[in-house]
Full PDB file with SEQRES, HELIX, SHEET, SSBOND, CRYST1, ORIGX, SCALE, CONECT and MASTER records, all heavy atoms in Angstrom:
SEQRES   1 A   29  ARG ALA LYS SER ALA THR LYS GLY SER PRO VAL GLU VAL          
SEQRES   2 A   29  ALA THR THR MET ALA GLY MET ALA ASP GLU CYS LEU ARG          
SEQRES   3 A   29  ALA ALA GLY                                                  
HELIX    1 AA1 PRO A   10  ALA A   28  1                                  19    
CRYST1    1.000    1.000    1.000  90.00  90.00  90.00 P 1           1          
ORIGX1      1.000000  0.000000  0.000000        0.00000                         
ORIGX2      0.000000  1.000000  0.000000        0.00000                         
ORIGX3      0.000000  0.000000  1.000000        0.00000                         
SCALE1      1.000000  0.000000  0.000000        0.00000                         
SCALE2      0.000000  1.000000  0.000000        0.00000                         
SCALE3      0.000000  0.000000  1.000000        0.00000                         
ATOM      1  N   ARG A   1      53.481   8.956  32.293  1.00  0.00           N  
ATOM      2  CA  ARG A   1      54.477  10.016  31.951  1.00  0.00           C  
ATOM      3  C   ARG A   1      55.140  10.531  33.204  1.00  0.00           C  
ATOM      4  O   ARG A   1      54.572  10.487  34.281  1.00  0.00           O  
ATOM      5  CB  ARG A   1      53.796  11.173  31.241  1.00  0.00           C  
ATOM      6  CG  ARG A   1      53.002  10.796  29.999  1.00  0.00           C  
ATOM      7  CD  ARG A   1      52.404  12.032  29.369  1.00  0.00           C  
ATOM      8  NE  ARG A   1      51.498  11.697  28.276  1.00  0.00           N  
ATOM      9  CZ  ARG A   1      50.969  12.591  27.448  1.00  0.00           C  
ATOM     10  NH1 ARG A   1      51.239  13.860  27.596  1.00  0.00           N  
ATOM     11  NH2 ARG A   1      50.162  12.189  26.477  1.00  0.00           N  
ATOM     12  N   ALA A   2      56.351  11.063  33.041  1.00  0.00           N  
ATOM     13  CA  ALA A   2      57.064  11.732  34.108  1.00  0.00           C  
ATOM     14  C   ALA A   2      57.952  12.834  33.518  1.00  0.00           C  
ATOM     15  O   ALA A   2      58.316  12.787  32.349  1.00  0.00           O  
ATOM     16  CB  ALA A   2      57.917  10.739  34.930  1.00  0.00           C  
ATOM     17  N   LYS A   3      58.249  13.828  34.340  1.00  0.00           N  
ATOM     18  CA  LYS A   3      59.029  14.955  33.857  1.00  0.00           C  
ATOM     19  C   LYS A   3      59.939  15.451  34.989  1.00  0.00           C  
ATOM     20  O   LYS A   3      59.569  15.450  36.152  1.00  0.00           O  
ATOM     21  CB  LYS A   3      58.114  16.085  33.407  1.00  0.00           C  
ATOM     22  CG  LYS A   3      58.796  17.388  32.996  1.00  0.00           C  
ATOM     23  CD  LYS A   3      57.748  18.421  32.634  1.00  0.00           C  
ATOM     24  CE  LYS A   3      58.377  19.817  32.375  1.00  0.00           C  
ATOM     25  NZ  LYS A   3      57.345  20.842  32.068  1.00  0.00           N  
ATOM     26  N   SER A   4      61.179  15.854  34.612  1.00  0.00           N  
ATOM     27  CA  SER A   4      62.108  16.373  35.578  1.00  0.00           C  
ATOM     28  C   SER A   4      63.028  17.374  34.909  1.00  0.00           C  
ATOM     29  O   SER A   4      63.214  17.325  33.694  1.00  0.00           O  
ATOM     30  CB  SER A   4      62.928  15.242  36.207  1.00  0.00           C  
ATOM     31  OG  SER A   4      63.860  15.724  37.174  1.00  0.00           O  
ATOM     32  N   ALA A   5      63.621  18.274  35.685  1.00  0.00           N  
ATOM     33  CA  ALA A   5      64.570  19.222  35.150  1.00  0.00           C  
ATOM     34  C   ALA A   5      65.858  18.526  34.758  1.00  0.00           C  
ATOM     35  O   ALA A   5      66.288  17.535  35.409  1.00  0.00           O  
ATOM     36  CB  ALA A   5      64.872  20.311  36.180  1.00  0.00           C  
ATOM     37  N   THR A   6      66.492  18.963  33.677  1.00  0.00           N  
ATOM     38  CA  THR A   6      67.767  18.408  33.255  1.00  0.00           C  
ATOM     39  C   THR A   6      68.888  19.133  33.999  1.00  0.00           C  
ATOM     40  O   THR A   6      69.305  20.227  33.624  1.00  0.00           O  
ATOM     41  CB  THR A   6      67.964  18.619  31.709  1.00  0.00           C  
ATOM     42  OG1 THR A   6      66.804  18.130  31.048  1.00  0.00           O  
ATOM     43  CG2 THR A   6      69.170  17.861  31.234  1.00  0.00           C  
ATOM     44  N   LYS A   7      69.329  18.490  35.061  1.00  0.00           N  
ATOM     45  CA  LYS A   7      70.374  19.117  35.903  1.00  0.00           C  
ATOM     46  C   LYS A   7      71.506  18.133  36.183  1.00  0.00           C  
ATOM     47  O   LYS A   7      71.262  16.928  36.403  1.00  0.00           O  
ATOM     48  CB  LYS A   7      69.779  19.590  37.248  1.00  0.00           C  
ATOM     49  CG  LYS A   7      68.767  20.711  37.120  1.00  0.00           C  
ATOM     50  CD  LYS A   7      68.256  21.115  38.504  1.00  0.00           C  
ATOM     51  CE  LYS A   7      67.300  22.280  38.386  1.00  0.00           C  
ATOM     52  NZ  LYS A   7      66.788  22.670  39.751  1.00  0.00           N  
ATOM     53  N   GLY A   8      72.727  18.630  36.207  1.00  0.00           N  
ATOM     54  CA  GLY A   8      73.843  17.832  36.634  1.00  0.00           C  
ATOM     55  C   GLY A   8      74.674  17.266  35.463  1.00  0.00           C  
ATOM     56  O   GLY A   8      74.462  17.535  34.292  1.00  0.00           O  
ATOM     57  N   SER A   9      75.578  16.376  35.837  1.00  0.00           N  
ATOM     58  CA  SER A   9      76.456  15.703  34.875  1.00  0.00           C  
ATOM     59  C   SER A   9      75.690  14.621  34.132  1.00  0.00           C  
ATOM     60  O   SER A   9      74.538  14.268  34.498  1.00  0.00           O  
ATOM     61  CB  SER A   9      77.611  15.057  35.645  1.00  0.00           C  
ATOM     62  OG  SER A   9      77.108  14.001  36.458  1.00  0.00           O  
ATOM     63  N   PRO A  10      76.268  14.039  33.093  1.00  0.00           N  
ATOM     64  CA  PRO A  10      75.599  12.962  32.401  1.00  0.00           C  
ATOM     65  C   PRO A  10      75.241  11.790  33.309  1.00  0.00           C  
ATOM     66  O   PRO A  10      74.142  11.223  33.162  1.00  0.00           O  
ATOM     67  CB  PRO A  10      76.661  12.524  31.327  1.00  0.00           C  
ATOM     68  CG  PRO A  10      77.427  13.792  31.057  1.00  0.00           C  
ATOM     69  CD  PRO A  10      77.519  14.482  32.362  1.00  0.00           C  
ATOM     70  N   VAL A  11      76.100  11.474  34.244  1.00  0.00           N  
ATOM     71  CA  VAL A  11      75.782  10.371  35.185  1.00  0.00           C  
ATOM     72  C   VAL A  11      74.612  10.731  36.070  1.00  0.00           C  
ATOM     73  O   VAL A  11      73.715   9.912  36.305  1.00  0.00           O  
ATOM     74  CB  VAL A  11      77.030  10.000  36.038  1.00  0.00           C  
ATOM     75  CG1 VAL A  11      76.651   9.017  37.128  1.00  0.00           C  
ATOM     76  CG2 VAL A  11      78.145   9.462  35.164  1.00  0.00           C  
ATOM     77  N   GLU A  12      74.564  11.985  36.524  1.00  0.00           N  
ATOM     78  CA  GLU A  12      73.460  12.424  37.355  1.00  0.00           C  
ATOM     79  C   GLU A  12      72.141  12.457  36.596  1.00  0.00           C  
ATOM     80  O   GLU A  12      71.088  12.059  37.120  1.00  0.00           O  
ATOM     81  CB  GLU A  12      73.765  13.810  37.954  1.00  0.00           C  
ATOM     82  CG  GLU A  12      74.890  13.812  38.981  1.00  0.00           C  
ATOM     83  CD  GLU A  12      75.320  15.211  39.363  1.00  0.00           C  
ATOM     84  OE1 GLU A  12      75.357  16.097  38.463  1.00  0.00           O  
ATOM     85  OE2 GLU A  12      75.674  15.393  40.532  1.00  0.00           O  
ATOM     86  N   VAL A  13      72.190  12.915  35.354  1.00  0.00           N  
ATOM     87  CA  VAL A  13      70.988  12.919  34.546  1.00  0.00           C  
ATOM     88  C   VAL A  13      70.491  11.498  34.247  1.00  0.00           C  
ATOM     89  O   VAL A  13      69.289  11.199  34.287  1.00  0.00           O  
ATOM     90  CB  VAL A  13      71.204  13.727  33.247  1.00  0.00           C  
ATOM     91  CG1 VAL A  13      69.990  13.588  32.319  1.00  0.00           C  
ATOM     92  CG2 VAL A  13      71.469  15.183  33.548  1.00  0.00           C  
ATOM     93  N   ALA A  14      71.450  10.615  33.941  1.00  0.00           N  
ATOM     94  CA  ALA A  14      71.090   9.215  33.703  1.00  0.00           C  
ATOM     95  C   ALA A  14      70.438   8.585  34.929  1.00  0.00           C  
ATOM     96  O   ALA A  14      69.442   7.811  34.825  1.00  0.00           O  
ATOM     97  CB  ALA A  14      72.311   8.427  33.301  1.00  0.00           C  
ATOM     98  N   THR A  15      70.958   8.924  36.104  1.00  0.00           N  
ATOM     99  CA  THR A  15      70.384   8.398  37.354  1.00  0.00           C  
ATOM    100  C   THR A  15      68.960   8.938  37.561  1.00  0.00           C  
ATOM    101  O   THR A  15      68.065   8.225  37.966  1.00  0.00           O  
ATOM    102  CB  THR A  15      71.264   8.780  38.548  1.00  0.00           C  
ATOM    103  OG1 THR A  15      72.596   8.248  38.335  1.00  0.00           O  
ATOM    104  CG2 THR A  15      70.722   8.238  39.848  1.00  0.00           C  
ATOM    105  N   THR A  16      68.752  10.221  37.259  1.00  0.00           N  
ATOM    106  CA  THR A  16      67.440  10.818  37.344  1.00  0.00           C  
ATOM    107  C   THR A  16      66.472  10.104  36.400  1.00  0.00           C  
ATOM    108  O   THR A  16      65.345   9.816  36.737  1.00  0.00           O  
ATOM    109  CB  THR A  16      67.478  12.310  36.995  1.00  0.00           C  
ATOM    110  OG1 THR A  16      68.296  12.992  37.927  1.00  0.00           O  
ATOM    111  CG2 THR A  16      66.089  12.922  36.952  1.00  0.00           C  
ATOM    112  N   MET A  17      66.937   9.805  35.198  1.00  0.00           N  
ATOM    113  CA  MET A  17      66.098   9.123  34.208  1.00  0.00           C  
ATOM    114  C   MET A  17      65.729   7.718  34.666  1.00  0.00           C  
ATOM    115  O   MET A  17      64.614   7.254  34.465  1.00  0.00           O  
ATOM    116  CB  MET A  17      66.820   9.093  32.841  1.00  0.00           C  
ATOM    117  CG  MET A  17      66.931  10.484  32.217  1.00  0.00           C  
ATOM    118  SD  MET A  17      68.036  10.558  30.822  1.00  0.00           S  
ATOM    119  CE  MET A  17      67.247   9.486  29.641  1.00  0.00           C  
ATOM    120  N   ALA A  18      66.647   7.014  35.271  1.00  0.00           N  
ATOM    121  CA  ALA A  18      66.328   5.695  35.811  1.00  0.00           C  
ATOM    122  C   ALA A  18      65.274   5.774  36.881  1.00  0.00           C  
ATOM    123  O   ALA A  18      64.342   4.932  36.951  1.00  0.00           O  
ATOM    124  CB  ALA A  18      67.600   5.043  36.367  1.00  0.00           C  
ATOM    125  N   GLY A  19      65.334   6.818  37.701  1.00  0.00           N  
ATOM    126  CA  GLY A  19      64.328   6.998  38.728  1.00  0.00           C  
ATOM    127  C   GLY A  19      62.956   7.310  38.120  1.00  0.00           C  
ATOM    128  O   GLY A  19      61.906   6.849  38.592  1.00  0.00           O  
ATOM    129  N   MET A  20      62.964   8.134  37.067  1.00  0.00           N  
ATOM    130  CA  MET A  20      61.697   8.433  36.346  1.00  0.00           C  
ATOM    131  C   MET A  20      61.095   7.191  35.756  1.00  0.00           C  
ATOM    132  O   MET A  20      59.869   7.016  35.752  1.00  0.00           O  
ATOM    133  CB  MET A  20      61.968   9.489  35.271  1.00  0.00           C  
ATOM    134  CG  MET A  20      62.413  10.839  35.784  1.00  0.00           C  
ATOM    135  SD  MET A  20      63.072  11.921  34.485  1.00  0.00           S  
ATOM    136  CE  MET A  20      61.571  12.156  33.531  1.00  0.00           C  
ATOM    137  N   ALA A  21      61.954   6.326  35.192  1.00  0.00           N  
ATOM    138  CA  ALA A  21      61.465   5.080  34.604  1.00  0.00           C  
ATOM    139  C   ALA A  21      60.778   4.222  35.685  1.00  0.00           C  
ATOM    140  O   ALA A  21      59.655   3.686  35.437  1.00  0.00           O  
ATOM    141  CB  ALA A  21      62.628   4.306  33.991  1.00  0.00           C  
ATOM    142  N   ASP A  22      61.408   4.114  36.838  1.00  0.00           N  
ATOM    143  CA  ASP A  22      60.793   3.313  37.929  1.00  0.00           C  
ATOM    144  C   ASP A  22      59.493   3.923  38.417  1.00  0.00           C  
ATOM    145  O   ASP A  22      58.532   3.237  38.742  1.00  0.00           O  
ATOM    146  CB  ASP A  22      61.795   3.176  39.082  1.00  0.00           C  
ATOM    147  CG  ASP A  22      62.936   2.205  38.770  1.00  0.00           C  
ATOM    148  OD1 ASP A  22      62.738   1.300  37.906  1.00  0.00           O  
ATOM    149  OD2 ASP A  22      64.023   2.356  39.380  1.00  0.00           O  
ATOM    150  N   GLU A  23      59.445   5.254  38.438  1.00  0.00           N  
ATOM    151  CA  GLU A  23      58.224   5.968  38.806  1.00  0.00           C  
ATOM    152  C   GLU A  23      57.074   5.624  37.868  1.00  0.00           C  
ATOM    153  O   GLU A  23      55.948   5.351  38.302  1.00  0.00           O  
ATOM    154  CB  GLU A  23      58.480   7.464  38.813  1.00  0.00           C  
ATOM    155  CG  GLU A  23      57.266   8.344  39.105  1.00  0.00           C  
ATOM    156  CD  GLU A  23      57.572   9.815  38.943  1.00  0.00           C  
ATOM    157  OE1 GLU A  23      58.752  10.216  39.036  1.00  0.00           O  
ATOM    158  OE2 GLU A  23      56.623  10.587  38.711  1.00  0.00           O  
ATOM    159  N   CYS A  24      57.346   5.640  36.560  1.00  0.00           N  
ATOM    160  CA  CYS A  24      56.330   5.319  35.569  1.00  0.00           C  
ATOM    161  C   CYS A  24      55.913   3.870  35.701  1.00  0.00           C  
ATOM    162  O   CYS A  24      54.679   3.553  35.603  1.00  0.00           O  
ATOM    163  CB  CYS A  24      56.856   5.607  34.148  1.00  0.00           C  
ATOM    164  SG  CYS A  24      56.947   7.345  33.698  1.00  0.00           S  
ATOM    165  N   LEU A  25      56.848   2.982  35.898  1.00  0.00           N  
ATOM    166  CA  LEU A  25      56.529   1.564  36.023  1.00  0.00           C  
ATOM    167  C   LEU A  25      55.655   1.292  37.269  1.00  0.00           C  
ATOM    168  O   LEU A  25      54.683   0.555  37.200  1.00  0.00           O  
ATOM    169  CB  LEU A  25      57.791   0.735  36.075  1.00  0.00           C  
ATOM    170  CG  LEU A  25      58.614   0.621  34.769  1.00  0.00           C  
ATOM    171  CD1 LEU A  25      59.957   0.044  34.994  1.00  0.00           C  
ATOM    172  CD2 LEU A  25      57.806  -0.186  33.736  1.00  0.00           C  
ATOM    173  N   ARG A  26      56.016   1.916  38.402  1.00  0.00           N  
ATOM    174  CA  ARG A  26      55.200   1.764  39.583  1.00  0.00           C  
ATOM    175  C   ARG A  26      53.785   2.242  39.390  1.00  0.00           C  
ATOM    176  O   ARG A  26      52.809   1.577  39.783  1.00  0.00           O  
ATOM    177  CB  ARG A  26      55.850   2.487  40.764  1.00  0.00           C  
ATOM    178  CG  ARG A  26      57.024   1.799  41.409  1.00  0.00           C  
ATOM    179  CD  ARG A  26      57.375   2.383  42.748  1.00  0.00           C  
ATOM    180  NE  ARG A  26      57.657   3.844  42.653  1.00  0.00           N  
ATOM    181  CZ  ARG A  26      58.878   4.315  42.428  1.00  0.00           C  
ATOM    182  NH1 ARG A  26      59.899   3.504  42.260  1.00  0.00           N  
ATOM    183  NH2 ARG A  26      59.058   5.638  42.355  1.00  0.00           N  
ATOM    184  N   ALA A  27      53.645   3.404  38.769  1.00  0.00           N  
ATOM    185  CA  ALA A  27      52.301   3.976  38.557  1.00  0.00           C  
ATOM    186  C   ALA A  27      51.460   3.119  37.632  1.00  0.00           C  
ATOM    187  O   ALA A  27      50.237   3.088  37.737  1.00  0.00           O  
ATOM    188  CB  ALA A  27      52.451   5.389  37.963  1.00  0.00           C  
ATOM    189  N   ALA A  28      52.125   2.395  36.737  1.00  0.00           N  
ATOM    190  CA  ALA A  28      51.422   1.534  35.768  1.00  0.00           C  
ATOM    191  C   ALA A  28      51.221   0.142  36.329  1.00  0.00           C  
ATOM    192  O   ALA A  28      50.599  -0.716  35.673  1.00  0.00           O  
ATOM    193  CB  ALA A  28      52.163   1.506  34.441  1.00  0.00           C  
ATOM    194  N   GLY A  29      51.778  -0.108  37.485  1.00  0.00           N  
ATOM    195  CA  GLY A  29      51.718  -1.471  38.048  1.00  0.00           C  
ATOM    196  C   GLY A  29      52.485  -2.486  37.247  1.00  0.00           C  
ATOM    197  O   GLY A  29      52.111  -3.656  37.137  1.00  0.00           O  
TER     198      GLY A  29                                                      
MASTER        0    0    0    1    0    0    0    6  197    1    0    3          
END                                                                             
């Protein structure tokens, strides 16, 4: 799991979400 504040424009939020996805994937190997 990962959590982040919803801040910025749609593009900025989408970019944050992509980073969260990579964070979860790395943690799960």
